[in-house]
Amino acid sequence: MLFGLKKFISFWLMPLPLCVTVIVVGILLARSAKRARLGRALVVAGAILLILFSNKFVSRWLIRPLEARYPAVPEFTANAPLPANLAACRFVVVLGGGNGGSPHMSAINLLSSSAVARVAEAVRILRALPEAKLIVSGPRSASGESHATVLARAAQELGLAANRVIYIDNAHDTEDESRAVQRIAHGGKVALVTSAWHLPRAVALFRSAGLDPLPCPSDYRTHVHDDLNFDDFLWEVGALERSTLAIRERIGYFWIWVRGKAG
């Protein structure tokens, strides 16, 4: 019940639904003689917000602080020792990122772009940690196959042995995943792999669950040394998606902060 209510409320706070709602309400109010001025103001405000959220520069400005919170796990050099905090990890956790349901298709092609980036980074880390286990998470879909299973299949397609995988297929959000991982790892050191923009909230929830996660970002939407061109000040659907991710993560973080689950 609470999960569904949270999803419903958060949907209407996302940039596109919010801006469209403000514009529609403004149009309706503009038809009233008494509230026409307010209606016109809402239409203009909704349109300006939608233009800003769809701008490449603005969207990157919104999401970059989230992605910069934790450093990426560096490339591994042959015969060089692993960072001590990574070497201590006995579990590598990949948070769910969604998948499609087309039959007779490889798991890699079923996964969303975010999920592919996450599982690829996890397998890269696991190659450097031969004793570590992979924990995959994601609930069952209408097709009957859980997202955790698709992630595991993708990891195996990338060369990971099947006996190194642990499944969590009854978690619906990051908070559920953190509690499930705690029951498996018993407070031990885990490498937490998820999208860079999702890590601040994920790390806070894992720490709240009693874990000591090593943040392992993936699926970057921006990069520090990207060239700045004229095109970067234009508009695109991808920019609206980046803005949506940034707004959603900040709302999510505020929600867990209110509930005392964020430091």
C-alpha atoms as a PDB file:
ATOM      1  CA  MET A   1       0.000   0.000   0.000  1.00  0.00           C
ATOM      2  CA  LEU A   2       2.704   2.464   1.074  1.00  0.00           C
ATOM      3  CA  PHE A   3       4.902   1.440  -1.876  1.00  0.00           C
ATOM      4  CA  GLY A   4       2.112   2.105  -4.368  1.00  0.00           C
ATOM      5  CA  LEU A   5       1.213   5.426  -2.735  1.00  0.00           C
ATOM      6  CA  LYS A   6       4.854   6.515  -2.804  1.00  0.00           C
ATOM      7  CA  LYS A   7       5.103   5.693  -6.514  1.00  0.00           C
ATOM      8  CA  PHE A   8       1.860   7.519  -7.278  1.00  0.00           C
ATOM      9  CA  ILE A   9       2.859  10.714  -5.471  1.00  0.00           C
ATOM     10  CA  SER A  10       6.407  10.736  -6.828  1.00  0.00           C
ATOM     11  CA  PHE A  11       5.114  10.324 -10.394  1.00  0.00           C
ATOM     12  CA  TRP A  12       3.228  13.627 -10.228  1.00  0.00           C
ATOM     13  CA  LEU A  13       6.305  15.409  -8.866  1.00  0.00           C
ATOM     14  CA  MET A  14       8.440  14.426 -11.856  1.00  0.00           C
ATOM     15  CA  PRO A  15       9.266  17.208 -14.353  1.00  0.00           C
ATOM     16  CA  LEU A  16       7.037  16.182 -17.273  1.00  0.00           C
ATOM     17  CA  PRO A  17       3.842  15.327 -15.321  1.00  0.00           C
ATOM     18  CA  LEU A  18       4.346  18.335 -13.062  1.00  0.00           C
ATOM     19  CA  CYS A  19       4.874  20.801 -15.908  1.00  0.00           C
ATOM     20  CA  VAL A  20       1.978  19.413 -17.969  1.00  0.00           C
ATOM     21  CA  THR A  21      -0.315  19.557 -14.929  1.00  0.00           C
ATOM     22  CA  VAL A  22       0.657  23.164 -14.195  1.00  0.00           C
ATOM     23  CA  ILE A  23       0.040  24.123 -17.832  1.00  0.00           C
ATOM     24  CA  VAL A  24      -3.346  22.346 -17.987  1.00  0.00           C
ATOM     25  CA  VAL A  25      -4.489  23.890 -14.707  1.00  0.00           C
ATOM     26  CA  GLY A  26      -3.338  27.259 -15.992  1.00  0.00           C
ATOM     27  CA  ILE A  27      -5.324  26.873 -19.212  1.00  0.00           C
ATOM     28  CA  LEU A  28      -8.450  25.958 -17.249  1.00  0.00           C
ATOM     29  CA  LEU A  29      -8.031  28.888 -14.873  1.00  0.00           C
ATOM     30  CA  ALA A  30      -7.400  31.262 -17.771  1.00  0.00           C
ATOM     31  CA  ARG A  31     -10.955  30.582 -18.948  1.00  0.00           C
ATOM     32  CA  SER A  32     -12.265  32.140 -15.727  1.00  0.00           C
ATOM     33  CA  ALA A  33     -12.601  35.910 -15.610  1.00  0.00           C
ATOM     34  CA  LYS A  34     -11.616  36.026 -11.936  1.00  0.00           C
ATOM     35  CA  ARG A  35      -8.544  33.775 -12.218  1.00  0.00           C
ATOM     36  CA  ALA A  36      -7.375  34.484 -15.770  1.00  0.00           C
ATOM     37  CA  ARG A  37      -4.245  36.275 -14.578  1.00  0.00           C
ATOM     38  CA  LEU A  38      -3.251  33.382 -12.334  1.00  0.00           C
ATOM     39  CA  GLY A  39      -3.997  30.938 -15.145  1.00  0.00           C
ATOM     40  CA  ARG A  40      -1.741  32.746 -17.600  1.00  0.00           C
ATOM     41  CA  ALA A  41       1.014  32.875 -14.996  1.00  0.00           C
ATOM     42  CA  LEU A  42       0.763  29.113 -14.441  1.00  0.00           C
ATOM     43  CA  VAL A  43       0.903  28.417 -18.185  1.00  0.00           C
ATOM     44  CA  VAL A  44       4.039  30.530 -18.530  1.00  0.00           C
ATOM     45  CA  ALA A  45       5.630  28.985 -15.423  1.00  0.00           C
ATOM     46  CA  GLY A  46       4.904  25.430 -16.589  1.00  0.00           C
ATOM     47  CA  ALA A  47       6.293  26.134 -20.057  1.00  0.00           C
ATOM     48  CA  ILE A  48       9.467  27.745 -18.666  1.00  0.00           C
ATOM     49  CA  LEU A  49      10.067  24.818 -16.310  1.00  0.00           C
ATOM     50  CA  LEU A  50       9.577  22.310 -19.122  1.00  0.00           C
ATOM     51  CA  ILE A  51      12.034  24.221 -21.319  1.00  0.00           C
ATOM     52  CA  LEU A  52      14.607  24.298 -18.515  1.00  0.00           C
ATOM     53  CA  PHE A  53      14.267  20.606 -17.633  1.00  0.00           C
ATOM     54  CA  SER A  54      14.642  19.695 -21.327  1.00  0.00           C
ATOM     55  CA  ASN A  55      17.829  21.709 -21.753  1.00  0.00           C
ATOM     56  CA  LYS A  56      21.058  19.697 -22.005  1.00  0.00           C
ATOM     57  CA  PHE A  57      23.138  22.099 -19.924  1.00  0.00           C
ATOM     58  CA  VAL A  58      20.548  22.404 -17.152  1.00  0.00           C
ATOM     59  CA  SER A  59      19.982  18.645 -16.951  1.00  0.00           C
ATOM     60  CA  ARG A  60      23.699  17.962 -16.637  1.00  0.00           C
ATOM     61  CA  TRP A  61      23.996  20.682 -14.014  1.00  0.00           C
ATOM     62  CA  LEU A  62      21.237  18.963 -12.027  1.00  0.00           C
ATOM     63  CA  ILE A  63      22.611  15.422 -12.192  1.00  0.00           C
ATOM     64  CA  ARG A  64      26.363  16.022 -11.980  1.00  0.00           C
ATOM     65  CA  PRO A  65      26.527  16.689  -8.200  1.00  0.00           C
ATOM     66  CA  LEU A  66      24.870  13.313  -7.585  1.00  0.00           C
ATOM     67  CA  GLU A  67      27.312  11.504  -9.858  1.00  0.00           C
ATOM     68  CA  ALA A  68      30.325  13.280  -8.345  1.00  0.00           C
ATOM     69  CA  ARG A  69      29.553  12.215  -4.767  1.00  0.00           C
ATOM     70  CA  TYR A  70      31.631   9.021  -4.939  1.00  0.00           C
ATOM     71  CA  PRO A  71      34.715   8.265  -7.084  1.00  0.00           C
ATOM     72  CA  ALA A  72      34.618   5.505  -9.663  1.00  0.00           C
ATOM     73  CA  VAL A  73      36.468   2.249  -9.042  1.00  0.00           C
ATOM     74  CA  PRO A  74      39.667   2.694 -11.109  1.00  0.00           C
ATOM     75  CA  GLU A  75      40.937   0.396 -13.805  1.00  0.00           C
ATOM     76  CA  PHE A  76      42.806  -2.597 -12.432  1.00  0.00           C
ATOM     77  CA  THR A  77      46.475  -2.967 -13.302  1.00  0.00           C
ATOM     78  CA  ALA A  78      48.031  -6.418 -13.691  1.00  0.00           C
ATOM     79  CA  ASN A  79      50.125  -7.487 -10.691  1.00  0.00           C
ATOM     80  CA  ALA A  80      49.171  -4.343  -8.765  1.00  0.00           C
ATOM     81  CA  PRO A  81      47.429  -4.768  -5.388  1.00  0.00           C
ATOM     82  CA  LEU A  82      43.750  -3.927  -5.123  1.00  0.00           C
ATOM     83  CA  PRO A  83      42.645  -0.994  -2.985  1.00  0.00           C
ATOM     84  CA  ALA A  84      42.281  -2.280   0.563  1.00  0.00           C
ATOM     85  CA  ASN A  85      38.621  -1.296   0.877  1.00  0.00           C
ATOM     86  CA  LEU A  86      37.773  -3.223  -2.304  1.00  0.00           C
ATOM     87  CA  ALA A  87      39.868  -6.265  -1.394  1.00  0.00           C
ATOM     88  CA  ALA A  88      37.882  -6.555   1.861  1.00  0.00           C
ATOM     89  CA  CYS A  89      34.570  -7.012   0.020  1.00  0.00           C
ATOM     90  CA  ARG A  90      33.122 -10.517  -0.045  1.00  0.00           C
ATOM     91  CA  PHE A  91      29.923  -9.570  -1.833  1.00  0.00           C
ATOM     92  CA  VAL A  92      29.263  -7.409  -4.892  1.00  0.00           C
ATOM     93  CA  VAL A  93      25.682  -6.140  -4.953  1.00  0.00           C
ATOM     94  CA  VAL A  94      23.974  -5.040  -8.178  1.00  0.00           C
ATOM     95  CA  LEU A  95      20.770  -3.084  -7.649  1.00  0.00           C
ATOM     96  CA  GLY A  96      17.908  -3.700 -10.068  1.00  0.00           C
ATOM     97  CA  GLY A  97      17.622  -1.536 -13.166  1.00  0.00           C
ATOM     98  CA  GLY A  98      14.743  -2.975 -15.177  1.00  0.00           C
ATOM     99  CA  ASN A  99      14.398  -5.263 -18.169  1.00  0.00           C
ATOM    100  CA  GLY A 100      12.085  -6.101 -21.056  1.00  0.00           C
ATOM    101  CA  GLY A 101      10.247  -9.365 -21.710  1.00  0.00           C
ATOM    102  CA  SER A 102      10.924 -10.366 -25.324  1.00  0.00           C
ATOM    103  CA  PRO A 103      11.221 -14.151 -25.763  1.00  0.00           C
ATOM    104  CA  HIS A 104      14.290 -15.844 -27.259  1.00  0.00           C
ATOM    105  CA  MET A 105      16.524 -12.853 -26.538  1.00  0.00           C
ATOM    106  CA  SER A 106      19.810 -12.762 -24.639  1.00  0.00           C
ATOM    107  CA  ALA A 107      19.717 -11.340 -21.137  1.00  0.00           C
ATOM    108  CA  ILE A 108      22.093  -8.541 -22.131  1.00  0.00           C
ATOM    109  CA  ASN A 109      19.600  -7.374 -24.741  1.00  0.00           C
ATOM    110  CA  LEU A 110      16.675  -7.633 -22.321  1.00  0.00           C
ATOM    111  CA  LEU A 111      18.259  -5.353 -19.736  1.00  0.00           C
ATOM    112  CA  SER A 112      17.800  -1.602 -19.675  1.00  0.00           C
ATOM    113  CA  SER A 113      20.871   0.496 -20.462  1.00  0.00           C
ATOM    114  CA  SER A 114      21.261   1.269 -16.749  1.00  0.00           C
ATOM    115  CA  ALA A 115      21.100  -2.409 -15.801  1.00  0.00           C
ATOM    116  CA  VAL A 116      23.657  -3.355 -18.488  1.00  0.00           C
ATOM    117  CA  ALA A 117      26.099  -0.752 -17.173  1.00  0.00           C
ATOM    118  CA  ARG A 118      25.580  -1.931 -13.596  1.00  0.00           C
ATOM    119  CA  VAL A 119      26.077  -5.640 -14.266  1.00  0.00           C
ATOM    120  CA  ALA A 120      29.087  -5.005 -16.522  1.00  0.00           C
ATOM    121  CA  GLU A 121      30.787  -3.011 -13.752  1.00  0.00           C
ATOM    122  CA  ALA A 122      29.958  -5.727 -11.219  1.00  0.00           C
ATOM    123  CA  VAL A 123      31.501  -8.453 -13.385  1.00  0.00           C
ATOM    124  CA  ARG A 124      34.613  -6.305 -13.887  1.00  0.00           C
ATOM    125  CA  ILE A 125      34.994  -6.000 -10.121  1.00  0.00           C
ATOM    126  CA  LEU A 126      34.280  -9.683  -9.530  1.00  0.00           C
ATOM    127  CA  ARG A 127      37.093 -10.677 -11.882  1.00  0.00           C
ATOM    128  CA  ALA A 128      39.422  -8.915  -9.458  1.00  0.00           C
ATOM    129  CA  LEU A 129      37.737 -10.593  -6.459  1.00  0.00           C
ATOM    130  CA  PRO A 130      37.702 -14.333  -7.306  1.00  0.00           C
ATOM    131  CA  GLU A 131      36.320 -15.317  -3.896  1.00  0.00           C
ATOM    132  CA  ALA A 132      33.489 -12.812  -3.832  1.00  0.00           C
ATOM    133  CA  LYS A 133      29.831 -13.562  -4.591  1.00  0.00           C
ATOM    134  CA  LEU A 134      27.471 -11.554  -6.767  1.00  0.00           C
ATOM    135  CA  ILE A 135      24.134 -10.518  -5.232  1.00  0.00           C
ATOM    136  CA  VAL A 136      21.512  -9.630  -7.829  1.00  0.00           C
ATOM    137  CA  SER A 137      18.163  -8.089  -7.015  1.00  0.00           C
ATOM    138  CA  GLY A 138      14.829  -7.491  -8.699  1.00  0.00           C
ATOM    139  CA  PRO A 139      11.229  -8.769  -8.349  1.00  0.00           C
ATOM    140  CA  ARG A 140       9.319 -11.039 -10.686  1.00  0.00           C
ATOM    141  CA  SER A 141       7.586  -9.559 -13.716  1.00  0.00           C
ATOM    142  CA  ALA A 142       4.422 -10.554 -15.563  1.00  0.00           C
ATOM    143  CA  SER A 143       6.485 -13.020 -17.629  1.00  0.00           C
ATOM    144  CA  GLY A 144       7.284 -14.976 -14.462  1.00  0.00           C
ATOM    145  CA  GLU A 145      11.044 -14.363 -14.628  1.00  0.00           C
ATOM    146  CA  SER A 146      12.532 -12.124 -11.970  1.00  0.00           C
ATOM    147  CA  HIS A 147      14.775  -9.201 -12.790  1.00  0.00           C
ATOM    148  CA  ALA A 148      17.371 -10.814 -10.509  1.00  0.00           C
ATOM    149  CA  THR A 149      17.367 -13.858 -12.799  1.00  0.00           C
ATOM    150  CA  VAL A 150      17.879 -11.719 -15.900  1.00  0.00           C
ATOM    151  CA  LEU A 151      20.780  -9.910 -14.200  1.00  0.00           C
ATOM    152  CA  ALA A 152      22.314 -13.253 -13.256  1.00  0.00           C
ATOM    153  CA  ARG A 153      21.961 -14.567 -16.799  1.00  0.00           C
ATOM    154  CA  ALA A 154      23.614 -11.419 -18.136  1.00  0.00           C
ATOM    155  CA  ALA A 155      26.507 -11.808 -15.684  1.00  0.00           C
ATOM    156  CA  GLN A 156      26.952 -15.395 -16.842  1.00  0.00           C
ATOM    157  CA  GLU A 157      26.918 -14.264 -20.476  1.00  0.00           C
ATOM    158  CA  LEU A 158      29.799 -11.971 -19.491  1.00  0.00           C
ATOM    159  CA  GLY A 159      31.738 -14.931 -18.086  1.00  0.00           C
ATOM    160  CA  LEU A 160      30.744 -15.172 -14.407  1.00  0.00           C
ATOM    161  CA  ALA A 161      30.259 -18.675 -12.999  1.00  0.00           C
ATOM    162  CA  ALA A 162      26.669 -19.526 -12.039  1.00  0.00           C
ATOM    163  CA  ASN A 163      27.715 -20.775  -8.570  1.00  0.00           C
ATOM    164  CA  ARG A 164      28.889 -17.275  -7.633  1.00  0.00           C
ATOM    165  CA  VAL A 165      25.396 -15.736  -7.788  1.00  0.00           C
ATOM    166  CA  ILE A 166      22.983 -15.088  -4.902  1.00  0.00           C
ATOM    167  CA  TYR A 167      19.428 -14.039  -5.750  1.00  0.00           C
ATOM    168  CA  ILE A 168      17.068 -11.535  -4.129  1.00  0.00           C
ATOM    169  CA  ASP A 169      13.775 -11.636  -6.011  1.00  0.00           C
ATOM    170  CA  ASN A 170      11.314 -10.239  -3.467  1.00  0.00           C
ATOM    171  CA  ALA A 171      12.649  -6.672  -3.083  1.00  0.00           C
ATOM    172  CA  HIS A 172      10.647  -3.865  -4.708  1.00  0.00           C
ATOM    173  CA  ASP A 173      12.848  -0.857  -3.985  1.00  0.00           C
ATOM    174  CA  THR A 174      16.280   0.105  -2.696  1.00  0.00           C
ATOM    175  CA  GLU A 175      15.172   0.044   0.920  1.00  0.00           C
ATOM    176  CA  ASP A 176      13.932  -3.545   0.558  1.00  0.00           C
ATOM    177  CA  GLU A 177      17.198  -4.452  -1.169  1.00  0.00           C
ATOM    178  CA  SER A 178      19.305  -3.012   1.652  1.00  0.00           C
ATOM    179  CA  ARG A 179      17.484  -5.098   4.261  1.00  0.00           C
ATOM    180  CA  ALA A 180      17.747  -8.254   2.154  1.00  0.00           C
ATOM    181  CA  VAL A 181      21.488  -7.739   1.619  1.00  0.00           C
ATOM    182  CA  GLN A 182      21.962  -7.206   5.357  1.00  0.00           C
ATOM    183  CA  ARG A 183      20.431 -10.624   6.015  1.00  0.00           C
ATOM    184  CA  ILE A 184      22.881 -12.185   3.577  1.00  0.00           C
ATOM    185  CA  ALA A 185      26.063 -10.255   4.395  1.00  0.00           C
ATOM    186  CA  HIS A 186      25.388  -9.921   8.166  1.00  0.00           C
ATOM    187  CA  GLY A 187      26.944  -6.458   8.245  1.00  0.00           C
ATOM    188  CA  GLY A 188      30.044  -7.467   6.267  1.00  0.00           C
ATOM    189  CA  LYS A 189      31.771  -5.296   3.703  1.00  0.00           C
ATOM    190  CA  VAL A 190      29.946  -5.187   0.369  1.00  0.00           C
ATOM    191  CA  ALA A 191      30.700  -3.472  -2.927  1.00  0.00           C
ATOM    192  CA  LEU A 192      27.524  -1.633  -3.933  1.00  0.00           C
ATOM    193  CA  VAL A 193      27.115  -1.225  -7.694  1.00  0.00           C
ATOM    194  CA  THR A 194      24.404   1.017  -9.052  1.00  0.00           C
ATOM    195  CA  SER A 195      24.053   4.067 -11.272  1.00  0.00           C
ATOM    196  CA  ALA A 196      26.249   6.960 -10.146  1.00  0.00           C
ATOM    197  CA  TRP A 197      23.233   9.253  -9.816  1.00  0.00           C
ATOM    198  CA  HIS A 198      21.486   6.702  -7.549  1.00  0.00           C
ATOM    199  CA  LEU A 199      24.415   6.030  -5.224  1.00  0.00           C
ATOM    200  CA  PRO A 200      23.904   8.822  -2.632  1.00  0.00           C
ATOM    201  CA  ARG A 201      20.443   7.518  -1.734  1.00  0.00           C
ATOM    202  CA  ALA A 202      21.446   3.851  -2.028  1.00  0.00           C
ATOM    203  CA  VAL A 203      24.488   4.257   0.230  1.00  0.00           C
ATOM    204  CA  ALA A 204      22.388   6.077   2.845  1.00  0.00           C
ATOM    205  CA  LEU A 205      19.821   3.276   2.892  1.00  0.00           C
ATOM    206  CA  PHE A 206      22.470   0.543   3.101  1.00  0.00           C
ATOM    207  CA  ARG A 207      24.161   2.306   6.002  1.00  0.00           C
ATOM    208  CA  SER A 208      20.796   2.691   7.701  1.00  0.00           C
ATOM    209  CA  ALA A 209      20.333  -1.086   7.349  1.00  0.00           C
ATOM    210  CA  GLY A 210      23.605  -1.675   9.231  1.00  0.00           C
ATOM    211  CA  LEU A 211      25.910  -2.293   6.275  1.00  0.00           C
ATOM    212  CA  ASP A 212      29.224  -0.694   5.352  1.00  0.00           C
ATOM    213  CA  PRO A 213      28.972  -0.449   1.555  1.00  0.00           C
ATOM    214  CA  LEU A 214      31.799   0.488  -0.775  1.00  0.00           C
ATOM    215  CA  PRO A 215      30.202   2.779  -3.397  1.00  0.00           C
ATOM    216  CA  CYS A 216      30.899   1.555  -6.935  1.00  0.00           C
ATOM    217  CA  PRO A 217      29.300   3.944  -9.422  1.00  0.00           C
ATOM    218  CA  SER A 218      28.358   3.024 -12.985  1.00  0.00           C
ATOM    219  CA  ASP A 219      25.999   4.220 -15.728  1.00  0.00           C
ATOM    220  CA  TYR A 220      27.304   7.800 -15.761  1.00  0.00           C
ATOM    221  CA  ARG A 221      25.171  10.375 -17.596  1.00  0.00           C
ATOM    222  CA  THR A 222      27.865  13.078 -17.473  1.00  0.00           C
ATOM    223  CA  HIS A 223      31.656  13.199 -17.375  1.00  0.00           C
ATOM    224  CA  VAL A 224      33.959  15.800 -15.857  1.00  0.00           C
ATOM    225  CA  HIS A 225      36.018  16.419 -18.975  1.00  0.00           C
ATOM    226  CA  ASP A 226      33.229  16.402 -21.536  1.00  0.00           C
ATOM    227  CA  ASP A 227      33.742  19.026 -24.225  1.00  0.00           C
ATOM    228  CA  LEU A 228      31.379  21.987 -24.026  1.00  0.00           C
ATOM    229  CA  ASN A 229      29.870  22.746 -27.424  1.00  0.00           C
ATOM    230  CA  PHE A 230      27.058  24.915 -28.754  1.00  0.00           C
ATOM    231  CA  ASP A 231      24.821  21.811 -28.915  1.00  0.00           C
ATOM    232  CA  ASP A 232      25.101  21.444 -25.132  1.00  0.00           C
ATOM    233  CA  PHE A 233      22.867  24.496 -24.688  1.00  0.00           C
ATOM    234  CA  LEU A 234      20.056  23.079 -26.836  1.00  0.00           C
ATOM    235  CA  TRP A 235      17.135  20.820 -25.954  1.00  0.00           C
ATOM    236  CA  GLU A 236      16.451  17.086 -26.253  1.00  0.00           C
ATOM    237  CA  VAL A 237      14.336  14.292 -24.776  1.00  0.00           C
ATOM    238  CA  GLY A 238      17.460  12.794 -23.186  1.00  0.00           C
ATOM    239  CA  ALA A 239      17.937  15.983 -21.195  1.00  0.00           C
ATOM    240  CA  LEU A 240      14.414  15.677 -19.808  1.00  0.00           C
ATOM    241  CA  GLU A 241      15.264  12.119 -18.740  1.00  0.00           C
ATOM    242  CA  ARG A 242      18.429  13.294 -16.959  1.00  0.00           C
ATOM    243  CA  SER A 243      16.477  16.020 -15.179  1.00  0.00           C
ATOM    244  CA  THR A 244      13.853  13.471 -14.157  1.00  0.00           C
ATOM    245  CA  LEU A 245      16.495  11.179 -12.669  1.00  0.00           C
ATOM    246  CA  ALA A 246      18.056  14.071 -10.765  1.00  0.00           C
ATOM    247  CA  ILE A 247      14.731  15.312  -9.381  1.00  0.00           C
ATOM    248  CA  ARG A 248      13.556  11.813  -8.484  1.00  0.00           C
ATOM    249  CA  GLU A 249      16.747  11.054  -6.567  1.00  0.00           C
ATOM    250  CA  ARG A 250      16.559  14.297  -4.612  1.00  0.00           C
ATOM    251  CA  ILE A 251      12.925  13.683  -3.702  1.00  0.00           C
ATOM    252  CA  GLY A 252      13.804  10.120  -2.712  1.00  0.00           C
ATOM    253  CA  TYR A 253      16.698  11.296  -0.582  1.00  0.00           C
ATOM    254  CA  PHE A 254      14.503  13.897   1.108  1.00  0.00           C
ATOM    255  CA  TRP A 255      11.957  11.163   1.888  1.00  0.00           C
ATOM    256  CA  ILE A 256      14.499   8.925   3.616  1.00  0.00           C
ATOM    257  CA  TRP A 257      16.011  11.943   5.393  1.00  0.00           C
ATOM    258  CA  VAL A 258      12.594  12.838   6.842  1.00  0.00           C
ATOM    259  CA  ARG A 259      12.314   9.261   8.100  1.00  0.00           C
ATOM    260  CA  GLY A 260      15.775   9.388   9.719  1.00  0.00           C
ATOM    261  CA  LYS A 261      17.437   6.975   7.288  1.00  0.00           C
ATOM    262  CA  ALA A 262      19.964   9.421   5.812  1.00  0.00           C
ATOM    263  CA  GLY A 263      22.981  10.823   7.561  1.00  0.00           C
END
